[in-house]
Amino acid sequence: MLNKRSIKAKITIITTAVLLVLIFVLTIAQNYITMLVYKNAIIDTSDEIASVSIIDVNNGEHYSGAIVIDVVQTRAYMDNLLLALVIAIIGIILIRLALSHYLKPVEKLTEEIEKIDEDNMNVQLDIPASKDEISRLTVAFNKMMSKISTTYKYQKEFSQNVAHELKTPVTAMTTTLDVLQLDDVPSEEDYRNAVANISDSVQRMKAIIDALLNINRQASDKSLEQLAMNEICTLIVSEFDTEIKEKDLHIRIVGDKQFVANRITWSLIVRNIISNSIRYNRTGGSIECEIDDNYLRISDTGIGIPEEKLSRIFEPFYCVDSSRSRELGGSGLGLYIVKQLVELENATIEVMPNVPEGTFIEIKFC
């Protein structure tokens, strides 16, 4: 039942209970001491007890004999209990006032938090002048809301981009089918062209969906094992053996790093980078993987990335050359995935032009 009450009510009830217990114990102790004092004041003999006389200073009445202890003790008990009751009431009132004063910032903070919704997530609460727990709580809340606002905005934009990218191939397929239906008797060539266009759109949708699944899969995969970066790079290069031979590319892998990490995560990182290096490379070009205990560097002699566009290459669905990216089958999510996975591994990534041509990517291990 206490759990359903406010913090102010809980503290008041608990403090009041403690206060009453302490006052009760002190009152009993005081009454006990009073009893001992009065007992010592009486000459406890059967012959003299009747002649003992005590005057009550409160009303001037005389008490004597055996009744003197009971009368005085009873009055002392009542006075002590009355005093304890007064102290308890005053204590409860003071506790209530103090709680109302010091918990007022909490109530104000609660009211401001309740006003926050998805339309004003970037709100920042006023930080109290006091440097107490409420002030630190407000600062922490503002930081949290700033992160949530940024994440929410990013996720909203990302969802819109995904919808747009998936809508494009769907629109292309719909348009192809509409054109095909306009012809009463489509030729075999018309059907071939339609199938080719629809196949390209389906492949693009598949690339986007696979990329999104990879992101979610890796975020939840925490399995670790002993890895060798040279082995990972070699295996990934072997997967692209056909494409490498078609472009007559020269591959060089030097150095190594032994470490414990998630194999699938690092395979995806290397695969996306190597895939781009092959896709956008020139015929007869080269790719080099340089491995050290501190970094992995992958450079190529491809078309490169203009320096003014380097700051945006990790954005989802951003393509340096949209027409060429679509022509070569890119989803626009490759480097975005790499960035997410690298940060998941507490590493950093930097992309730079590879003078005089191509791209240079450096991943620094944690």
Protein backbone atom coordinates (compact mmCIF):
# COMPACT_ATOMS: atom_id res chain seq x y z
CA MET A 1 0.00 0.00 0.00
CA LEU A 2 2.92 2.32 0.77
CA ASN A 3 4.28 1.76 -2.75
CA LYS A 4 1.27 3.55 -4.27
CA ARG A 5 1.93 6.79 -2.40
CA SER A 6 4.09 9.73 -3.47
CA ILE A 7 7.69 10.14 -2.32
CA LYS A 8 6.62 13.02 -0.08
CA ALA A 9 3.96 10.86 1.59
CA LYS A 10 6.37 7.92 1.97
CA ILE A 11 9.07 10.04 3.62
CA THR A 12 6.50 11.74 5.87
CA ILE A 13 5.00 8.42 7.04
CA ILE A 14 8.37 6.76 7.63
CA THR A 15 9.87 9.79 9.40
CA THR A 16 6.73 10.22 11.54
CA ALA A 17 6.81 6.55 12.53
CA VAL A 18 10.48 6.79 13.52
CA LEU A 19 9.82 10.03 15.41
CA LEU A 20 6.88 8.54 17.34
CA VAL A 21 8.88 5.43 18.26
CA LEU A 22 11.76 7.56 19.54
CA ILE A 23 9.42 9.82 21.53
CA PHE A 24 7.63 6.79 23.00
CA VAL A 25 10.92 5.19 24.06
CA LEU A 26 12.17 8.46 25.56
CA THR A 27 8.86 9.00 27.39
CA ILE A 28 8.95 5.52 28.91
CA ALA A 29 12.55 6.05 29.96
CA GLN A 30 11.75 9.43 31.50
CA ASN A 31 8.75 8.04 33.39
CA TYR A 32 10.85 5.18 34.71
CA ILE A 33 13.50 7.61 35.96
CA THR A 34 10.79 9.78 37.54
CA MET A 35 9.39 6.77 39.36
CA LEU A 36 12.80 5.95 40.80
CA VAL A 37 13.31 9.52 41.92
CA TYR A 38 10.00 9.69 43.78
CA LYS A 39 10.54 6.28 45.36
CA ASN A 40 13.83 7.44 46.76
CA ALA A 41 12.10 10.54 48.14
CA ILE A 42 9.74 8.48 50.35
CA ILE A 43 10.81 6.89 53.57
CA ASP A 44 9.67 3.37 52.89
CA THR A 45 8.85 2.13 56.44
CA SER A 46 5.48 0.99 57.72
CA ASP A 47 5.68 3.14 60.87
CA GLU A 48 6.62 6.38 59.19
CA ILE A 49 4.91 6.23 55.82
CA ALA A 50 1.70 7.79 57.11
CA SER A 51 3.54 10.88 58.33
CA VAL A 52 5.22 11.52 54.99
CA SER A 53 3.72 14.56 53.35
CA ILE A 54 4.39 16.09 49.91
CA ILE A 55 2.85 19.30 48.69
CA ASP A 56 1.85 19.46 45.01
CA VAL A 57 3.28 22.77 43.81
CA ASN A 58 0.73 22.93 40.98
CA ASN A 59 -2.38 23.26 43.14
CA GLY A 60 -1.08 23.41 46.71
CA GLU A 61 -2.76 20.12 47.74
CA HIS A 62 -1.15 17.88 50.33
CA TYR A 63 -0.55 14.19 49.71
CA SER A 64 0.79 11.81 52.25
CA GLY A 65 1.33 8.20 52.97
CA ALA A 66 1.13 5.43 50.42
CA ILE A 67 -0.81 7.40 47.83
CA VAL A 68 1.89 9.99 47.26
CA ILE A 69 3.86 7.90 44.78
CA ASP A 70 0.81 7.02 42.62
CA VAL A 71 -0.48 10.58 42.48
CA VAL A 72 2.80 12.21 41.57
CA GLN A 73 3.82 9.47 39.17
CA THR A 74 0.49 9.55 37.35
CA ARG A 75 0.67 13.32 36.90
CA ALA A 76 4.29 13.05 35.70
CA TYR A 77 3.27 10.36 33.21
CA MET A 78 0.46 12.50 31.82
CA ASP A 79 2.69 15.56 31.55
CA ASN A 80 5.35 13.56 29.70
CA LEU A 81 2.84 12.01 27.31
CA LEU A 82 1.30 15.41 26.57
CA LEU A 83 4.73 16.86 25.91
CA ALA A 84 5.56 13.94 23.62
CA LEU A 85 2.32 14.42 21.71
CA VAL A 86 3.02 18.14 21.21
CA ILE A 87 6.57 17.40 20.04
CA ALA A 88 5.28 14.75 17.62
CA ILE A 89 2.71 17.09 16.07
CA ILE A 90 5.22 19.92 15.71
CA GLY A 91 7.76 17.47 14.23
CA ILE A 92 5.27 16.14 11.68
CA ILE A 93 4.32 19.67 10.60
CA LEU A 94 7.98 20.69 10.23
CA ILE A 95 8.79 17.51 8.28
CA ARG A 96 5.86 18.12 5.95
CA LEU A 97 6.87 21.73 5.34
CA ALA A 98 10.51 20.78 4.73
CA LEU A 99 9.52 18.05 2.28
CA SER A 100 7.18 20.37 0.41
CA HIS A 101 9.99 22.90 0.05
CA TYR A 102 12.76 20.53 -1.00
CA LEU A 103 10.63 18.29 -3.22
CA LYS A 104 9.06 21.21 -5.08
CA PRO A 105 11.80 21.10 -7.79
CA VAL A 106 11.02 17.40 -8.29
CA GLU A 107 7.33 18.17 -8.79
CA LYS A 108 8.21 20.96 -11.22
CA LEU A 109 10.58 18.64 -13.09
CA THR A 110 7.87 15.99 -13.31
CA GLU A 111 5.36 18.50 -14.71
CA GLU A 112 7.82 19.66 -17.39
CA ILE A 113 8.71 16.08 -18.35
CA GLU A 114 5.02 15.17 -18.73
CA LYS A 115 4.67 17.94 -21.34
CA ILE A 116 7.33 16.39 -23.59
CA ASP A 117 6.15 14.41 -26.62
CA GLU A 118 7.45 13.54 -30.09
CA ASP A 119 6.83 17.10 -31.31
CA ASN A 120 9.13 18.80 -28.76
CA MET A 121 11.77 16.19 -27.95
CA ASN A 122 14.55 18.75 -28.32
CA VAL A 123 13.35 20.68 -25.25
CA GLN A 124 15.94 21.46 -22.57
CA LEU A 125 14.76 21.90 -18.97
CA ASP A 126 15.95 24.81 -16.83
CA ILE A 127 18.71 23.67 -14.48
CA PRO A 128 18.07 24.63 -10.82
CA ALA A 129 20.61 27.02 -9.26
CA SER A 130 21.26 24.54 -6.45
CA LYS A 131 24.02 22.01 -7.00
CA ASP A 132 22.13 19.13 -5.43
CA GLU A 133 20.75 15.85 -6.74
CA ILE A 134 17.86 17.60 -8.51
CA SER A 135 20.28 19.76 -10.46
CA ARG A 136 22.37 16.74 -11.49
CA LEU A 137 19.21 14.85 -12.40
CA THR A 138 18.08 17.73 -14.64
CA VAL A 139 21.46 17.89 -16.37
CA ALA A 140 21.41 14.13 -16.93
CA PHE A 141 17.84 14.33 -18.26
CA ASN A 142 18.78 17.11 -20.71
CA LYS A 143 21.70 15.04 -22.00
CA MET A 144 19.48 12.00 -22.37
CA MET A 145 16.81 13.98 -24.23
CA SER A 146 19.44 15.46 -26.52
CA LYS A 147 20.63 11.97 -27.45
CA ILE A 148 17.08 10.67 -27.85
CA SER A 149 16.13 13.67 -30.00
CA THR A 150 19.14 13.15 -32.25
CA THR A 151 18.49 9.42 -32.51
CA TYR A 152 14.78 9.93 -33.17
CA LYS A 153 15.50 12.50 -35.87
CA TYR A 154 18.12 10.23 -37.42
CA GLN A 155 15.82 7.19 -37.36
CA LYS A 156 12.99 9.22 -38.87
CA GLU A 157 15.20 10.44 -41.70
CA PHE A 158 16.62 6.94 -42.17
CA SER A 159 13.11 5.44 -42.42
CA GLN A 160 12.14 8.07 -44.97
CA ASN A 161 15.27 7.31 -47.00
CA VAL A 162 14.57 3.57 -46.87
CA ALA A 163 11.00 4.16 -48.02
CA HIS A 164 12.22 6.38 -50.84
CA GLU A 165 14.91 3.92 -51.96
CA LEU A 166 12.46 1.00 -51.93
CA LYS A 167 9.79 3.06 -53.68
CA THR A 168 12.12 3.85 -56.59
CA PRO A 169 12.52 0.25 -57.86
CA VAL A 170 8.84 -0.46 -57.18
CA THR A 171 7.89 2.57 -59.29
CA ALA A 172 10.27 1.41 -62.02
CA MET A 173 8.67 -2.05 -62.07
CA THR A 174 5.16 -0.56 -62.11
CA THR A 175 6.06 1.76 -64.97
CA THR A 176 7.60 -1.11 -66.96
CA LEU A 177 4.46 -3.22 -66.54
CA ASP A 178 2.19 -0.28 -67.47
CA VAL A 179 4.15 0.34 -70.67
CA LEU A 180 4.04 -3.34 -71.52
CA GLN A 181 0.27 -3.42 -71.06
CA LEU A 182 -0.25 -0.45 -73.38
CA ASP A 183 0.83 -2.59 -76.30
CA ASP A 184 -1.95 -4.88 -77.41
CA VAL A 185 0.51 -7.42 -78.78
CA PRO A 186 3.91 -6.98 -77.04
CA SER A 187 6.84 -8.37 -78.95
CA GLU A 188 9.36 -10.81 -77.58
CA GLU A 189 11.87 -7.99 -77.32
CA ASP A 190 9.42 -5.95 -75.26
CA TYR A 191 9.06 -8.84 -72.84
CA ARG A 192 12.83 -9.27 -72.63
CA ASN A 193 13.34 -5.59 -71.88
CA ALA A 194 10.58 -5.64 -69.27
CA VAL A 195 12.02 -8.70 -67.56
CA ALA A 196 15.51 -7.13 -67.57
CA ASN A 197 14.23 -3.88 -66.05
CA ILE A 198 12.19 -5.67 -63.39
CA SER A 199 15.15 -7.94 -62.58
CA ASP A 200 17.38 -4.89 -62.04
CA SER A 201 14.78 -3.33 -59.71
CA VAL A 202 14.37 -6.56 -57.75
CA GLN A 203 18.14 -6.87 -57.34
CA ARG A 204 18.32 -3.32 -56.02
CA MET A 205 15.54 -3.99 -53.52
CA LYS A 206 17.26 -7.19 -52.44
CA ALA A 207 20.55 -5.33 -51.90
CA ILE A 208 18.83 -2.76 -49.70
CA ILE A 209 16.94 -5.36 -47.66
CA ASP A 210 20.07 -7.51 -47.20
CA ALA A 211 21.99 -4.46 -46.01
CA LEU A 212 19.30 -3.58 -43.46
CA LEU A 213 19.18 -7.15 -42.20
CA ASN A 214 22.95 -7.18 -41.79
CA ILE A 215 22.81 -4.08 -39.61
CA ASN A 216 20.19 -5.55 -37.29
CA ARG A 217 21.83 -8.97 -37.21
CA GLN A 218 25.22 -7.63 -36.22
CA ALA A 219 23.84 -5.34 -33.53
CA SER A 220 22.51 -8.41 -31.68
CA ASP A 221 25.38 -10.82 -32.40
CA LYS A 222 27.82 -10.78 -29.45
CA SER A 223 29.75 -14.03 -30.10
CA LEU A 224 33.53 -13.65 -29.91
CA GLU A 225 36.45 -15.76 -31.11
CA GLN A 226 40.16 -15.57 -31.86
CA LEU A 227 40.67 -13.90 -35.26
CA ALA A 228 43.51 -13.18 -37.67
CA MET A 229 42.89 -10.09 -39.82
CA ASN A 230 45.13 -11.37 -42.63
CA GLU A 231 43.03 -14.51 -42.87
CA ILE A 232 39.79 -12.50 -42.98
CA CYS A 233 41.08 -10.24 -45.76
CA THR A 234 42.36 -13.25 -47.74
CA LEU A 235 39.03 -15.08 -47.50
CA ILE A 236 37.04 -11.99 -48.52
CA VAL A 237 39.30 -11.39 -51.53
CA SER A 238 38.81 -15.01 -52.60
CA GLU A 239 35.02 -14.44 -52.67
CA PHE A 240 35.52 -11.83 -55.40
CA ASP A 241 37.90 -13.95 -57.46
CA THR A 242 35.74 -13.73 -60.61
CA GLU A 243 35.36 -9.94 -60.46
CA ILE A 244 39.08 -9.50 -59.74
CA LYS A 245 40.04 -11.57 -62.78
CA GLU A 246 37.58 -9.72 -65.01
CA LYS A 247 39.22 -6.39 -64.12
CA ASP A 248 42.73 -7.84 -63.94
CA LEU A 249 43.23 -6.33 -60.47
CA HIS A 250 46.41 -6.81 -58.43
CA ILE A 251 45.77 -7.63 -54.77
CA ARG A 252 48.36 -7.30 -52.00
CA ILE A 253 47.79 -8.21 -48.34
CA VAL A 254 50.62 -7.50 -45.90
CA GLY A 255 50.92 -7.76 -42.12
CA ASP A 256 48.55 -9.32 -39.61
CA LYS A 257 46.75 -8.77 -36.32
CA GLN A 258 45.61 -11.41 -33.85
CA PHE A 259 42.63 -10.37 -31.73
CA VAL A 260 39.38 -11.54 -30.15
CA ALA A 261 36.21 -10.21 -31.79
CA ASN A 262 33.08 -11.13 -33.74
CA ARG A 263 34.06 -12.81 -37.01
CA ILE A 264 30.89 -11.94 -38.93
CA THR A 265 31.16 -8.26 -37.97
CA TRP A 266 34.72 -7.89 -39.21
CA SER A 267 33.98 -9.97 -42.30
CA LEU A 268 31.15 -7.60 -43.20
CA ILE A 269 33.38 -4.57 -42.63
CA VAL A 270 36.15 -5.90 -44.87
CA ARG A 271 33.71 -7.27 -47.45
CA ASN A 272 31.96 -3.93 -47.94
CA ILE A 273 35.23 -2.05 -48.31
CA ILE A 274 36.81 -4.62 -50.67
CA SER A 275 33.58 -4.76 -52.68
CA ASN A 276 33.68 -0.99 -53.24
CA SER A 277 37.37 -1.10 -54.07
CA ILE A 278 36.68 -3.70 -56.77
CA ARG A 279 33.44 -2.17 -58.07
CA TYR A 280 34.85 1.33 -58.53
CA ASN A 281 38.36 0.34 -59.57
CA ARG A 282 39.83 0.68 -63.06
CA THR A 283 40.87 -2.24 -65.22
CA GLY A 284 44.43 -3.29 -64.36
CA GLY A 285 44.27 -1.40 -61.06
CA SER A 286 45.32 -2.59 -57.62
CA ILE A 287 44.07 -3.03 -54.04
CA GLU A 288 46.33 -3.16 -51.00
CA CYS A 289 45.46 -4.27 -47.46
CA GLU A 290 48.04 -3.21 -44.89
CA ILE A 291 47.54 -4.66 -41.41
CA ASP A 292 49.15 -3.66 -38.14
CA ASP A 293 48.35 -4.10 -34.45
CA ASN A 294 46.90 -0.59 -34.47
CA TYR A 295 45.15 -0.29 -37.83
CA LEU A 296 43.82 -1.81 -41.04
CA ARG A 297 44.46 0.25 -44.17
CA ILE A 298 42.81 -0.56 -47.50
CA SER A 299 43.76 1.50 -50.54
CA ASP A 300 42.80 1.19 -54.20
CA THR A 301 43.44 2.87 -57.55
CA GLY A 302 39.79 3.40 -58.42
CA ILE A 303 37.80 6.48 -59.41
CA GLY A 304 38.26 7.98 -55.94
CA ILE A 305 36.00 10.31 -53.95
CA PRO A 306 36.04 14.10 -54.39
CA GLU A 307 37.37 15.76 -51.25
CA GLU A 308 34.29 17.98 -50.91
CA LYS A 309 32.08 14.87 -50.67
CA LEU A 310 34.12 12.94 -48.10
CA SER A 311 32.11 14.34 -45.16
CA ARG A 312 28.89 12.72 -46.43
CA ILE A 313 30.01 9.28 -47.56
CA PHE A 314 28.88 7.57 -44.34
CA GLU A 315 25.31 8.86 -44.70
CA PRO A 316 22.76 6.17 -45.59
CA PHE A 317 21.86 6.03 -49.30
CA TYR A 318 24.35 8.76 -50.16
CA CYS A 319 26.09 8.11 -53.49
CA VAL A 320 29.02 10.12 -54.77
CA ASP A 321 27.86 9.38 -58.31
CA SER A 322 24.23 8.24 -58.25
CA SER A 323 24.06 7.18 -61.89
CA ARG A 324 27.24 5.14 -61.71
CA SER A 325 26.35 3.63 -58.35
CA ARG A 326 23.03 2.37 -59.69
CA GLU A 327 24.71 1.13 -62.83
CA LEU A 328 27.20 -0.91 -60.78
CA GLY A 329 24.55 -2.24 -58.39
CA GLY A 330 25.33 -0.26 -55.24
CA SER A 331 22.68 0.12 -52.53
CA GLY A 332 24.08 3.31 -50.98
CA LEU A 333 24.35 1.53 -47.61
CA GLY A 334 27.80 -0.04 -47.84
CA LEU A 335 29.88 2.59 -46.05
CA TYR A 336 27.00 3.40 -43.72
CA ILE A 337 27.02 -0.24 -42.55
CA VAL A 338 30.81 -0.16 -42.24
CA LYS A 339 30.61 2.95 -40.05
CA GLN A 340 27.98 1.40 -37.76
CA LEU A 341 29.87 -1.88 -37.37
CA VAL A 342 33.25 -0.20 -36.81
CA GLU A 343 31.76 1.91 -34.00
CA LEU A 344 30.13 -1.25 -32.62
CA GLU A 345 33.66 -2.65 -32.27
CA ASN A 346 34.87 0.56 -30.53
CA ALA A 347 37.12 1.36 -33.48
CA THR A 348 37.29 4.42 -35.75
CA ILE A 349 37.29 4.79 -39.53
CA GLU A 350 38.57 7.52 -41.83
CA VAL A 351 38.34 7.80 -45.61
CA MET A 352 40.75 9.93 -47.62
CA PRO A 353 41.73 10.39 -51.27
CA ASN A 354 44.54 8.05 -52.29
CA VAL A 355 46.98 10.34 -54.06
CA PRO A 356 47.37 10.34 -57.02
CA GLU A 357 44.21 8.23 -57.60
CA GLY A 358 41.72 6.05 -55.79
CA THR A 359 40.59 5.86 -52.16
CA PHE A 360 42.42 5.27 -48.88
CA ILE A 361 40.52 3.85 -45.88
CA GLU A 362 42.04 3.50 -42.41
CA ILE A 363 40.39 1.65 -39.51
CA LYS A 364 42.06 2.22 -36.14
CA PHE A 365 41.52 -0.54 -33.62
CA CYS A 366 40.57 0.26 -30.02
